[in-house]
């Protein structure tokens, strides 16, 4: 790890490159959603830690630019498997990339909502079938699921939306 330096003695050369790489690794671990890597973001973080006191141009050295670009690509590749979205971000079209990512997440959310609806209907049918036997529903289903069913539909006989679905904003 790089030792923290005071603002009066900023890092230079290889020490600064090492500090930048450590910071880039932290940002990579934190993920694209919470710490998107950019030259400006790296500059802000290493300035805050006292590693440098100069402007953004300190990162314009070819080695540092290549290092930051390498970590940007690694972060984008890890965060999204959609090549079109990654290309938007890599080409500097971040708004377009965010919109594409949002649209993709909305579609995934719609698919998951539909799966939840289908699974809920299947569960209701299972409960109805169990009720036709001498077996107690409480003995077949997990406690937390029985509790949700009890809260949502005391008689299990009508169409319903379980409480855990009602509580969520859909």
Protein backbone atom coordinates (compact mmCIF):
# COMPACT_ATOMS: atom_id res chain seq x y z
CA UNK A 1 0.00 0.00 0.00
CA UNK A 2 1.06 3.56 -0.60
CA UNK A 3 1.68 5.62 2.51
CA UNK A 4 -0.38 8.78 2.78
CA UNK A 5 1.68 11.89 2.12
CA UNK A 6 0.93 15.37 3.29
CA UNK A 7 -0.08 18.07 0.82
CA UNK A 8 3.35 19.70 1.24
CA UNK A 9 5.08 16.62 -0.20
CA UNK A 10 2.94 15.23 -2.99
CA UNK A 11 3.80 11.94 -4.65
CA UNK A 12 5.67 11.92 -7.93
CA UNK A 13 6.79 9.45 -10.56
CA UNK A 14 6.47 5.75 -9.77
CA UNK A 15 5.07 6.43 -6.29
CA UNK A 16 2.25 8.44 -7.81
CA UNK A 17 1.63 5.78 -10.46
CA UNK A 18 1.41 3.15 -7.70
CA UNK A 19 -1.00 5.31 -5.69
CA UNK A 20 -3.16 5.82 -8.77
CA UNK A 21 -3.24 2.09 -9.45
CA UNK A 22 -4.22 1.33 -5.84
CA UNK A 23 -7.04 3.86 -6.10
CA UNK A 24 -8.16 2.38 -9.42
CA UNK A 25 -8.28 -1.08 -7.84
CA UNK A 26 -10.46 0.28 -5.03
CA UNK A 27 -12.77 1.89 -7.58
CA UNK A 28 -12.90 -1.34 -9.58
CA UNK A 29 -13.86 -3.27 -6.43
CA UNK A 30 -16.53 -0.69 -5.53
CA UNK A 31 -18.13 -1.17 -8.95
CA UNK A 32 -19.39 0.98 -11.75
CA UNK A 33 -22.64 1.97 -10.04
CA UNK A 34 -20.97 3.50 -6.97
CA UNK A 35 -17.54 4.51 -8.29
CA UNK A 36 -17.38 4.92 -12.06
CA UNK A 37 -13.77 5.36 -13.10
CA UNK A 38 -12.86 8.57 -14.90
CA UNK A 39 -9.81 10.80 -14.87
CA UNK A 40 -11.74 13.43 -12.95
CA UNK A 41 -12.93 10.92 -10.33
CA UNK A 42 -9.43 9.50 -9.86
CA UNK A 43 -8.02 13.03 -9.56
CA UNK A 44 -10.60 13.95 -6.92
CA UNK A 45 -9.87 10.83 -4.87
CA UNK A 46 -6.08 11.10 -4.92
CA UNK A 47 -6.25 14.85 -4.21
CA UNK A 48 -8.54 14.21 -1.24
CA UNK A 49 -6.04 11.68 0.10
CA UNK A 50 -3.24 14.21 -0.22
CA UNK A 51 -1.26 12.31 -2.84
CA UNK A 52 -1.23 15.31 -5.19
CA UNK A 53 -1.93 19.01 -4.96
CA UNK A 54 -1.84 19.89 -8.66
CA UNK A 55 -4.52 19.94 -11.32
CA UNK A 56 -6.01 17.27 -13.51
CA UNK A 57 -3.09 17.56 -15.93
CA UNK A 58 -0.99 15.41 -13.59
CA UNK A 59 -2.95 12.45 -15.00
CA UNK A 60 -2.24 13.34 -18.63
CA UNK A 61 1.09 11.47 -18.69
CA UNK A 62 0.81 8.62 -21.22
CA UNK A 63 1.46 5.87 -18.66
CA UNK A 64 -1.22 7.24 -16.33
CA UNK A 65 -3.72 7.78 -19.13
CA UNK A 66 -3.18 4.22 -20.37
CA UNK A 67 -3.52 2.87 -16.82
CA UNK A 68 -6.78 4.73 -16.21
CA UNK A 69 -8.16 3.68 -19.61
CA UNK A 70 -7.26 0.05 -18.85
CA UNK A 71 -9.18 0.16 -15.55
CA UNK A 72 -12.14 1.95 -17.18
CA UNK A 73 -12.39 -0.90 -19.69
CA UNK A 74 -12.04 -3.53 -16.95
CA UNK A 75 -14.78 -1.89 -14.91
CA UNK A 76 -17.14 -1.59 -17.87
CA UNK A 77 -16.52 -5.18 -18.94
CA UNK A 78 -17.24 -6.38 -15.40
CA UNK A 79 -20.34 -4.23 -14.91
CA UNK A 80 -22.29 -4.97 -18.06
CA UNK A 81 -22.26 -7.84 -20.50
CA UNK A 82 -24.02 -5.81 -23.19
CA UNK A 83 -21.42 -4.82 -25.80
CA UNK A 84 -23.47 -1.89 -27.14
CA UNK A 85 -23.78 -0.32 -23.69
CA UNK A 86 -20.07 -0.81 -23.02
CA UNK A 87 -19.18 0.79 -26.34
CA UNK A 88 -21.34 3.81 -25.51
CA UNK A 89 -19.46 4.33 -22.27
CA UNK A 90 -16.05 3.68 -23.81
CA UNK A 91 -16.78 6.17 -26.60
CA UNK A 92 -17.61 8.83 -24.02
CA UNK A 93 -21.35 8.75 -24.66
CA UNK A 94 -22.22 8.23 -21.00
CA UNK A 95 -25.79 9.57 -21.14
CA UNK A 96 -26.54 7.21 -24.01
CA UNK A 97 -24.92 4.37 -22.06
CA UNK A 98 -26.93 5.10 -18.92
CA UNK A 99 -30.16 5.25 -20.93
CA UNK A 100 -29.39 1.93 -22.61
CA UNK A 101 -28.53 0.37 -19.25
CA UNK A 102 -31.76 1.75 -17.75
CA UNK A 103 -33.82 0.36 -20.63
CA UNK A 104 -32.16 -3.03 -20.26
CA UNK A 105 -32.87 -3.07 -16.51
CA UNK A 106 -36.50 -2.10 -17.13
CA UNK A 107 -36.89 -5.04 -19.51
CA UNK A 108 -35.28 -7.39 -17.00
CA UNK A 109 -37.58 -6.03 -14.30
CA UNK A 110 -40.63 -6.65 -16.49
CA UNK A 111 -39.51 -10.24 -17.08
CA UNK A 112 -39.01 -10.77 -13.34
CA UNK A 113 -42.43 -9.30 -12.55
CA UNK A 114 -44.02 -11.71 -15.01
CA UNK A 115 -42.12 -14.63 -13.47
CA UNK A 116 -43.31 -13.55 -10.03
CA UNK A 117 -46.90 -13.42 -11.27
CA UNK A 118 -46.65 -16.88 -12.83
CA UNK A 119 -44.97 -18.34 -9.74
CA UNK A 120 -47.60 -16.76 -7.49
CA UNK A 121 -50.39 -18.28 -9.58
CA UNK A 122 -48.66 -21.66 -9.46
CA UNK A 123 -48.31 -21.39 -5.70
CA UNK A 124 -52.01 -20.61 -5.31
CA UNK A 125 -52.86 -23.68 -7.42
CA UNK A 126 -50.55 -25.80 -5.27
CA UNK A 127 -52.22 -24.52 -2.11
CA UNK A 128 -55.67 -25.30 -3.57
CA UNK A 129 -54.54 -28.83 -4.45
CA UNK A 130 -53.09 -29.37 -0.99
CA UNK A 131 -56.31 -28.16 0.61
CA UNK A 132 -58.21 -30.89 -1.25
CA UNK A 133 -56.18 -33.52 0.60
CA UNK A 134 -55.94 -34.31 4.29
CA UNK A 135 -52.49 -32.69 4.40
CA UNK A 136 -52.11 -29.36 6.16
CA UNK A 137 -50.72 -26.52 4.06
CA UNK A 138 -48.67 -25.52 7.11
CA UNK A 139 -46.83 -28.86 6.97
CA UNK A 140 -45.93 -28.57 3.29
CA UNK A 141 -44.89 -24.96 2.79
CA UNK A 142 -42.17 -23.03 4.64
CA UNK A 143 -43.33 -20.95 7.61
CA UNK A 144 -42.54 -17.58 6.04
CA UNK A 145 -44.58 -18.45 2.96
CA UNK A 146 -47.56 -19.65 4.99
CA UNK A 147 -47.42 -16.43 7.00
CA UNK A 148 -47.47 -14.37 3.79
CA UNK A 149 -50.41 -16.38 2.48
CA UNK A 150 -52.27 -16.02 5.80
CA UNK A 151 -51.82 -12.25 5.70
CA UNK A 152 -52.81 -11.95 2.06
CA UNK A 153 -55.65 -14.41 1.69
CA UNK A 154 -57.07 -16.03 4.81
CA UNK A 155 -59.20 -18.53 2.85
CA UNK A 156 -56.83 -19.08 -0.12
CA UNK A 157 -59.90 -19.31 -2.38
CA UNK A 158 -59.82 -16.11 -4.41
CA UNK A 159 -57.50 -14.41 -6.82
CA UNK A 160 -55.05 -12.36 -4.86
CA UNK A 161 -51.83 -10.47 -4.84
CA UNK A 162 -49.68 -11.61 -1.93
CA UNK A 163 -48.82 -9.02 0.71
CA UNK A 164 -45.13 -9.13 -0.19
CA UNK A 165 -46.08 -8.05 -3.73
CA UNK A 166 -48.53 -5.40 -2.54
CA UNK A 167 -45.86 -3.80 -0.33
CA UNK A 168 -43.44 -3.31 -3.21
CA UNK A 169 -43.72 -0.44 -5.64
CA UNK A 170 -44.34 -2.02 -9.02
